PDB file of N, CA and C in Angstrom:
ATOM      1  N   UNK A   1    -135.797 -98.285-178.903  1.00  0.00           N
ATOM      2  CA  UNK A   1    -135.656 -96.951-179.461  1.00  0.00           C
ATOM      3  C   UNK A   1    -134.253 -96.817-180.040  1.00  0.00           C
ATOM      4  N   UNK A   2    -134.123 -95.991-181.049  1.00  0.00           N
ATOM      5  CA  UNK A   2    -132.823 -95.763-181.670  1.00  0.00           C
ATOM      6  C   UNK A   2    -132.138 -94.561-181.016  1.00  0.00           C
ATOM      7  N   UNK A   3    -130.825 -94.573-181.018  1.00  0.00           N
ATOM      8  CA  UNK A   3    -130.053 -93.468-180.447  1.00  0.00           C
ATOM      9  C   UNK A   3    -130.410 -92.149-181.117  1.00  0.00           C
ATOM     10  N   UNK A   4    -130.670 -92.175-182.402  1.00  0.00           N
ATOM     11  CA  UNK A   4    -130.990 -90.955-183.143  1.00  0.00           C
ATOM     12  C   UNK A   4    -132.336 -90.355-182.736  1.00  0.00           C
ATOM     13  N   UNK A   5    -133.181 -91.112-182.034  1.00  0.00           N
ATOM     14  CA  UNK A   5    -134.507 -90.643-181.635  1.00  0.00           C
ATOM     15  C   UNK A   5    -134.515 -89.964-180.266  1.00  0.00           C
ATOM     16  N   UNK A   6    -133.390 -89.973-179.569  1.00  0.00           N
ATOM     17  CA  UNK A   6    -133.336 -89.323-178.255  1.00  0.00           C
ATOM     18  C   UNK A   6    -133.474 -87.821-178.407  1.00  0.00           C
ATOM     19  N   UNK A   7    -133.947 -87.180-177.340  1.00  0.00           N
ATOM     20  CA  UNK A   7    -134.042 -85.725-177.307  1.00  0.00           C
ATOM     21  C   UNK A   7    -132.854 -85.189-176.520  1.00  0.00           C
ATOM     22  N   UNK A   8    -132.516 -83.941-176.734  1.00  0.00           N
ATOM     23  CA  UNK A   8    -131.373 -83.336-176.042  1.00  0.00           C
ATOM     24  C   UNK A   8    -131.516 -83.489-174.530  1.00  0.00           C
ATOM     25  N   UNK A   9    -130.432 -83.934-173.893  1.00  0.00           N
ATOM     26  CA  UNK A   9    -130.412 -84.128-172.445  1.00  0.00           C
ATOM     27  C   UNK A   9    -130.935 -85.471-171.985  1.00  0.00           C
ATOM     28  N   UNK A  10    -131.500 -86.250-172.878  1.00  0.00           N
ATOM     29  CA  UNK A  10    -132.072 -87.546-172.510  1.00  0.00           C
ATOM     30  C   UNK A  10    -130.962 -88.581-172.347  1.00  0.00           C
ATOM     31  N   UNK A  11    -131.103 -89.424-171.331  1.00  0.00           N
ATOM     32  CA  UNK A  11    -130.126 -90.473-171.054  1.00  0.00           C
ATOM     33  C   UNK A  11    -130.697 -91.830-171.449  1.00  0.00           C
ATOM     34  N   UNK A  12    -129.799 -92.714-171.889  1.00  0.00           N
ATOM     35  CA  UNK A  12    -130.217 -94.055-172.291  1.00  0.00           C
ATOM     36  C   UNK A  12    -129.053 -95.018-172.101  1.00  0.00           C
ATOM     37  N   UNK A  13    -129.362 -96.305-172.170  1.00  0.00           N
ATOM     38  CA  UNK A  13    -128.367 -97.360-172.085  1.00  0.00           C
ATOM     39  C   UNK A  13    -128.347 -98.108-173.413  1.00  0.00           C
ATOM     40  N   UNK A  14    -127.159 -98.324-173.950  1.00  0.00           N
ATOM     41  CA  UNK A  14    -127.030 -99.032-175.223  1.00  0.00           C
ATOM     42  C   UNK A  14    -127.398-100.501-175.023  1.00  0.00           C
ATOM     43  N   UNK A  15    -128.273-101.001-175.897  1.00  0.00           N
ATOM     44  CA  UNK A  15    -128.665-102.406-175.848  1.00  0.00           C
ATOM     45  C   UNK A  15    -127.820-103.228-176.816  1.00  0.00           C
ATOM     46  N   UNK A  16    -127.799-102.824-178.082  1.00  0.00           N
ATOM     47  CA  UNK A  16    -126.989-103.529-179.079  1.00  0.00           C
ATOM     48  C   UNK A  16    -126.890-102.711-180.361  1.00  0.00           C
ATOM     49  N   UNK A  17    -126.115-103.223-181.296  1.00  0.00           N
ATOM     50  CA  UNK A  17    -125.924-102.591-182.596  1.00  0.00           C
ATOM     51  C   UNK A  17    -126.602-103.470-183.638  1.00  0.00           C
ATOM     52  N   UNK A  18    -127.365-102.872-184.521  1.00  0.00           N
ATOM     53  CA  UNK A  18    -128.008-103.657-185.580  1.00  0.00           C
ATOM     54  C   UNK A  18    -127.599-103.101-186.936  1.00  0.00           C
ATOM     55  N   UNK A  19    -127.397-103.987-187.865  1.00  0.00           N
ATOM     56  CA  UNK A  19    -127.110-103.619-189.253  1.00  0.00           C
ATOM     57  C   UNK A  19    -125.857-102.768-189.427  1.00  0.00           C
ATOM     58  N   UNK A  20    -124.844-102.982-188.621  1.00  0.00           N
ATOM     59  CA  UNK A  20    -123.574-102.269-188.767  1.00  0.00           C
ATOM     60  C   UNK A  20    -122.501-103.244-189.229  1.00  0.00           C
ATOM     61  N   UNK A  21    -121.603-102.765-190.069  1.00  0.00           N
ATOM     62  CA  UNK A  21    -120.497-103.619-190.499  1.00  0.00           C
ATOM     63  C   UNK A  21    -119.564-103.854-189.311  1.00  0.00           C
ATOM     64  N   UNK A  22    -118.772-104.894-189.394  1.00  0.00           N
ATOM     65  CA  UNK A  22    -117.842-105.202-188.312  1.00  0.00           C
ATOM     66  C   UNK A  22    -116.841-104.077-188.089  1.00  0.00           C
ATOM     67  N   UNK A  23    -116.416-103.410-189.169  1.00  0.00           N
ATOM     68  CA  UNK A  23    -115.456-102.308-189.032  1.00  0.00           C
ATOM     69  C   UNK A  23    -116.037-101.162-188.220  1.00  0.00           C
ATOM     70  N   UNK A  24    -117.263-100.769-188.538  1.00  0.00           N
ATOM     71  CA  UNK A  24    -117.909 -99.670-187.808  1.00  0.00           C
ATOM     72  C   UNK A  24    -118.158-100.075-186.359  1.00  0.00           C
ATOM     73  N   UNK A  25    -118.616-101.304-186.165  1.00  0.00           N
ATOM     74  CA  UNK A  25    -118.879-101.806-184.811  1.00  0.00           C
ATOM     75  C   UNK A  25    -117.609-101.769-183.954  1.00  0.00           C
ATOM     76  N   UNK A  26    -116.480-102.180-184.535  1.00  0.00           N
ATOM     77  CA  UNK A  26    -115.210-102.166-183.803  1.00  0.00           C
ATOM     78  C   UNK A  26    -114.795-100.742-183.455  1.00  0.00           C
ATOM     79  N   UNK A  27    -114.982 -99.800-184.391  1.00  0.00           N
ATOM     80  CA  UNK A  27    -114.621 -98.407-184.133  1.00  0.00           C
ATOM     81  C   UNK A  27    -115.460 -97.821-183.003  1.00  0.00           C
ATOM     82  N   UNK A  28    -116.749 -98.150-182.984  1.00  0.00           N
ATOM     83  CA  UNK A  28    -117.609 -97.672-181.902  1.00  0.00           C
ATOM     84  C   UNK A  28    -117.159 -98.243-180.560  1.00  0.00           C
ATOM     85  N   UNK A  29    -116.805 -99.510-180.555  1.00  0.00           N
ATOM     86  CA  UNK A  29    -116.367-100.148-179.314  1.00  0.00           C
ATOM     87  C   UNK A  29    -115.050 -99.564-178.817  1.00  0.00           C
ATOM     88  N   UNK A  30    -114.152 -99.227-179.733  1.00  0.00           N
ATOM     89  CA  UNK A  30    -112.886 -98.595-179.347  1.00  0.00           C
ATOM     90  C   UNK A  30    -113.146 -97.230-178.719  1.00  0.00           C
ATOM     91  N   UNK A  31    -114.194 -96.532-179.204  1.00  0.00           N
ATOM     92  CA  UNK A  31    -114.543 -95.213-178.652  1.00  0.00           C
ATOM     93  C   UNK A  31    -115.287 -95.333-177.325  1.00  0.00           C
ATOM     94  N   UNK A  32    -115.613 -96.549-176.910  1.00  0.00           N
ATOM     95  CA  UNK A  32    -116.267 -96.745-175.618  1.00  0.00           C
ATOM     96  C   UNK A  32    -117.760 -96.988-175.696  1.00  0.00           C
ATOM     97  N   UNK A  33    -118.295 -97.121-176.892  1.00  0.00           N
ATOM     98  CA  UNK A  33    -119.724 -97.388-177.045  1.00  0.00           C
ATOM     99  C   UNK A  33    -119.937 -98.900-177.089  1.00  0.00           C
ATOM    100  N   UNK A  34    -120.187 -99.450-175.927  1.00  0.00           N
ATOM    101  CA  UNK A  34    -120.390-100.888-175.774  1.00  0.00           C
ATOM    102  C   UNK A  34    -121.800-101.139-175.251  1.00  0.00           C
ATOM    103  N   UNK A  35    -122.334-102.337-175.439  1.00  0.00           N
ATOM    104  CA  UNK A  35    -123.623-102.651-174.818  1.00  0.00           C
ATOM    105  C   UNK A  35    -123.564-102.427-173.309  1.00  0.00           C
ATOM    106  N   UNK A  36    -124.655-101.935-172.755  1.00  0.00           N
ATOM    107  CA  UNK A  36    -124.828-101.603-171.333  1.00  0.00           C
ATOM    108  C   UNK A  36    -124.109-100.319-170.929  1.00  0.00           C
ATOM    109  N   UNK A  37    -123.608 -99.547-171.900  1.00  0.00           N
ATOM    110  CA  UNK A  37    -122.974 -98.260-171.618  1.00  0.00           C
ATOM    111  C   UNK A  37    -124.049 -97.184-171.580  1.00  0.00           C
ATOM    112  N   UNK A  38    -123.983 -96.319-170.579  1.00  0.00           N
ATOM    113  CA  UNK A  38    -124.928 -95.213-170.482  1.00  0.00           C
ATOM    114  C   UNK A  38    -124.443 -94.057-171.349  1.00  0.00           C
ATOM    115  N   UNK A  39    -125.362 -93.478-172.112  1.00  0.00           N
ATOM    116  CA  UNK A  39    -125.046 -92.346-172.983  1.00  0.00           C
ATOM    117  C   UNK A  39    -126.068 -91.237-172.753  1.00  0.00           C
ATOM    118  N   UNK A  40    -125.648 -90.008-173.036  1.00  0.00           N
ATOM    119  CA  UNK A  40    -126.531 -88.852-172.947  1.00  0.00           C
ATOM    120  C   UNK A  40    -126.431 -88.099-174.263  1.00  0.00           C
ATOM    121  N   UNK A  41    -127.568 -87.762-174.840  1.00  0.00           N
ATOM    122  CA  UNK A  41    -127.550 -86.945-176.051  1.00  0.00           C
ATOM    123  C   UNK A  41    -127.371 -85.493-175.622  1.00  0.00           C
ATOM    124  N   UNK A  42    -126.273 -84.895-176.017  1.00  0.00           N
ATOM    125  CA  UNK A  42    -125.994 -83.506-175.673  1.00  0.00           C
ATOM    126  C   UNK A  42    -126.777 -82.582-176.596  1.00  0.00           C
ATOM    127  N   UNK A  43    -126.619 -82.765-177.903  1.00  0.00           N
ATOM    128  CA  UNK A  43    -127.353 -81.953-178.871  1.00  0.00           C
ATOM    129  C   UNK A  43    -127.225 -82.547-180.266  1.00  0.00           C
ATOM    130  N   UNK A  44    -128.110 -82.056-181.140  1.00  0.00           N
ATOM    131  CA  UNK A  44    -128.059 -82.420-182.551  1.00  0.00           C
ATOM    132  C   UNK A  44    -127.585 -81.193-183.320  1.00  0.00           C
ATOM    133  N   UNK A  45    -126.849 -81.415-184.390  1.00  0.00           N
ATOM    134  CA  UNK A  45    -126.414 -80.313-185.241  1.00  0.00           C
ATOM    135  C   UNK A  45    -127.656 -79.660-185.862  1.00  0.00           C
ATOM    136  N   UNK A  46    -127.551 -78.409-186.283  1.00  0.00           N
ATOM    137  CA  UNK A  46    -128.717 -77.713-186.842  1.00  0.00           C
ATOM    138  C   UNK A  46    -129.442 -78.470-187.956  1.00  0.00           C
ATOM    139  N   UNK A  47    -128.723 -79.182-188.780  1.00  0.00           N
ATOM    140  CA  UNK A  47    -129.365 -79.958-189.840  1.00  0.00           C
ATOM    141  C   UNK A  47    -129.582 -81.413-189.437  1.00  0.00           C
ATOM    142  N   UNK A  48    -129.338 -81.742-188.159  1.00  0.00           N
ATOM    143  CA  UNK A  48    -129.609 -83.082-187.646  1.00  0.00           C
ATOM    144  C   UNK A  48    -128.472 -84.074-187.738  1.00  0.00           C
ATOM    145  N   UNK A  49    -127.370 -83.698-188.343  1.00  0.00           N
ATOM    146  CA  UNK A  49    -126.251 -84.630-188.496  1.00  0.00           C
ATOM    147  C   UNK A  49    -124.943 -83.876-188.311  1.00  0.00           C
ATOM    148  N   UNK A  50    -124.059 -84.226-187.428  1.00  0.00           N
ATOM    149  CA  UNK A  50    -124.052 -85.387-186.534  1.00  0.00           C
ATOM    150  C   UNK A  50    -124.731 -85.085-185.198  1.00  0.00           C
ATOM    151  N   UNK A  51    -124.751 -86.105-184.336  1.00  0.00           N
ATOM    152  CA  UNK A  51    -125.246 -85.979-182.972  1.00  0.00           C
ATOM    153  C   UNK A  51    -124.052 -85.899-182.035  1.00  0.00           C
ATOM    154  N   UNK A  52    -124.161 -85.072-181.011  1.00  0.00           N
ATOM    155  CA  UNK A  52    -123.120 -85.039-179.986  1.00  0.00           C
ATOM    156  C   UNK A  52    -123.643 -85.815-178.784  1.00  0.00           C
ATOM    157  N   UNK A  53    -122.914 -86.854-178.413  1.00  0.00           N
ATOM    158  CA  UNK A  53    -123.307 -87.661-177.254  1.00  0.00           C
ATOM    159  C   UNK A  53    -122.168 -87.689-176.251  1.00  0.00           C
ATOM    160  N   UNK A  54    -122.510 -88.033-175.033  1.00  0.00           N
ATOM    161  CA  UNK A  54    -121.495 -88.213-173.994  1.00  0.00           C
ATOM    162  C   UNK A  54    -121.600 -89.638-173.486  1.00  0.00           C
ATOM    163  N   UNK A  55    -120.459 -90.331-173.479  1.00  0.00           N
ATOM    164  CA  UNK A  55    -120.397 -91.707-172.990  1.00  0.00           C
ATOM    165  C   UNK A  55    -119.114 -91.865-172.190  1.00  0.00           C
ATOM    166  N   UNK A  56    -119.234 -92.353-170.972  1.00  0.00           N
ATOM    167  CA  UNK A  56    -118.070 -92.573-170.103  1.00  0.00           C
ATOM    168  C   UNK A  56    -117.264 -91.292-169.884  1.00  0.00           C
ATOM    169  N   UNK A  57    -117.960 -90.148-169.825  1.00  0.00           N
ATOM    170  CA  UNK A  57    -117.293 -88.878-169.579  1.00  0.00           C
ATOM    171  C   UNK A  57    -116.615 -88.264-170.788  1.00  0.00           C
ATOM    172  N   UNK A  58    -116.812 -88.852-171.968  1.00  0.00           N
ATOM    173  CA  UNK A  58    -116.179 -88.373-173.191  1.00  0.00           C
ATOM    174  C   UNK A  58    -117.261 -87.912-174.162  1.00  0.00           C
ATOM    175  N   UNK A  59    -117.045 -86.770-174.785  1.00  0.00           N
ATOM    176  CA  UNK A  59    -117.974 -86.247-175.772  1.00  0.00           C
ATOM    177  C   UNK A  59    -117.606 -86.791-177.152  1.00  0.00           C
ATOM    178  N   UNK A  60    -118.597 -87.348-177.861  1.00  0.00           N
ATOM    179  CA  UNK A  60    -118.369 -87.959-179.165  1.00  0.00           C
ATOM    180  C   UNK A  60    -119.372 -87.423-180.178  1.00  0.00           C
ATOM    181  N   UNK A  61    -118.978 -87.381-181.436  1.00  0.00           N
ATOM    182  CA  UNK A  61    -119.887 -87.043-182.528  1.00  0.00           C
ATOM    183  C   UNK A  61    -120.181 -88.313-183.312  1.00  0.00           C
ATOM    184  N   UNK A  62    -121.453 -88.572-183.526  1.00  0.00           N
ATOM    185  CA  UNK A  62    -121.875 -89.784-184.232  1.00  0.00           C
ATOM    186  C   UNK A  62    -122.818 -89.386-185.359  1.00  0.00           C
ATOM    187  N   UNK A  63    -122.580 -89.923-186.530  1.00  0.00           N
ATOM    188  CA  UNK A  63    -123.459 -89.647-187.666  1.00  0.00           C
ATOM    189  C   UNK A  63    -124.847 -90.233-187.415  1.00  0.00           C
ATOM    190  N   UNK A  64    -125.856 -89.572-187.930  1.00  0.00           N
ATOM    191  CA  UNK A  64    -127.239 -90.012-187.744  1.00  0.00           C
ATOM    192  C   UNK A  64    -127.457 -91.400-188.326  1.00  0.00           C
ATOM    193  N   UNK A  65    -126.845 -91.696-189.460  1.00  0.00           N
ATOM    194  CA  UNK A  65    -127.002 -93.021-190.090  1.00  0.00           C
ATOM    195  C   UNK A  65    -126.499 -94.125-189.157  1.00  0.00           C
ATOM    196  N   UNK A  66    -125.406 -93.867-188.455  1.00  0.00           N
ATOM    197  CA  UNK A  66    -124.872 -94.852-187.505  1.00  0.00           C
ATOM    198  C   UNK A  66    -125.759 -94.897-186.261  1.00  0.00           C
ATOM    199  N   UNK A  67    -126.208 -93.724-185.791  1.00  0.00           N
ATOM    200  CA  UNK A  67    -127.069 -93.666-184.608  1.00  0.00           C
ATOM    201  C   UNK A  67    -128.393 -94.389-184.841  1.00  0.00           C
ATOM    202  N   UNK A  68    -128.838 -94.458-186.095  1.00  0.00           N
ATOM    203  CA  UNK A  68    -130.063 -95.202-186.417  1.00  0.00           C
ATOM    204  C   UNK A  68    -129.886 -96.699-186.197  1.00  0.00           C
ATOM    205  N   UNK A  69    -128.659 -97.175-186.164  1.00  0.00           N
ATOM    206  CA  UNK A  69    -128.379 -98.597-185.997  1.00  0.00           C
ATOM    207  C   UNK A  69    -128.012 -98.973-184.566  1.00  0.00           C
ATOM    208  N   UNK A  70    -128.048 -98.012-183.655  1.00  0.00           N
ATOM    209  CA  UNK A  70    -127.730 -98.280-182.248  1.00  0.00           C
ATOM    210  C   UNK A  70    -129.029 -98.273-181.450  1.00  0.00           C
ATOM    211  N   UNK A  71    -129.384 -99.420-180.905  1.00  0.00           N
ATOM    212  CA  UNK A  71    -130.607 -99.539-180.119  1.00  0.00           C
ATOM    213  C   UNK A  71    -130.315 -99.216-178.660  1.00  0.00           C
ATOM    214  N   UNK A  72    -131.173 -98.384-178.072  1.00  0.00           N
ATOM    215  CA  UNK A  72    -130.985 -97.964-176.680  1.00  0.00           C
ATOM    216  C   UNK A  72    -132.271 -98.131-175.893  1.00  0.00           C
ATOM    217  N   UNK A  73    -132.123 -98.144-174.576  1.00  0.00           N
ATOM    218  CA  UNK A  73    -133.265 -98.174-173.660  1.00  0.00           C
ATOM    219  C   UNK A  73    -133.209 -96.886-172.855  1.00  0.00           C
ATOM    220  N   UNK A  74    -134.261 -96.096-172.924  1.00  0.00           N
ATOM    221  CA  UNK A  74    -134.306 -94.801-172.248  1.00  0.00           C
ATOM    222  C   UNK A  74    -134.432 -95.002-170.752  1.00  0.00           C
ATOM    223  N   UNK A  75    -133.653 -94.213-169.999  1.00  0.00           N
ATOM    224  CA  UNK A  75    -133.746 -94.258-168.547  1.00  0.00           C
ATOM    225  C   UNK A  75    -134.942 -93.408-168.114  1.00  0.00           C
ATOM    226  N   UNK A  76    -135.728 -93.927-167.193  1.00  0.00           N
ATOM    227  CA  UNK A  76    -136.892 -93.158-166.755  1.00  0.00           C
ATOM    228  C   UNK A  76    -136.698 -92.539-165.393  1.00  0.00           C
TER     229      UNK A  76
END
């Protein structure tokens, strides 16, 4: 599942990044978005872009286009 497909309040674990440039991938990693990191979708903006997520206790805004390239596994 893609990060952009999560519903508000849903938790997931990042599996990997697909189709992202090295620059974007490095920026995400600096912000703490690494494989095996647990994230929670807080909310989506009214028009769907950006998404507010929480990772490692920090609230982050991620564009939908980037979130489409982050594969996650939903926690059940």
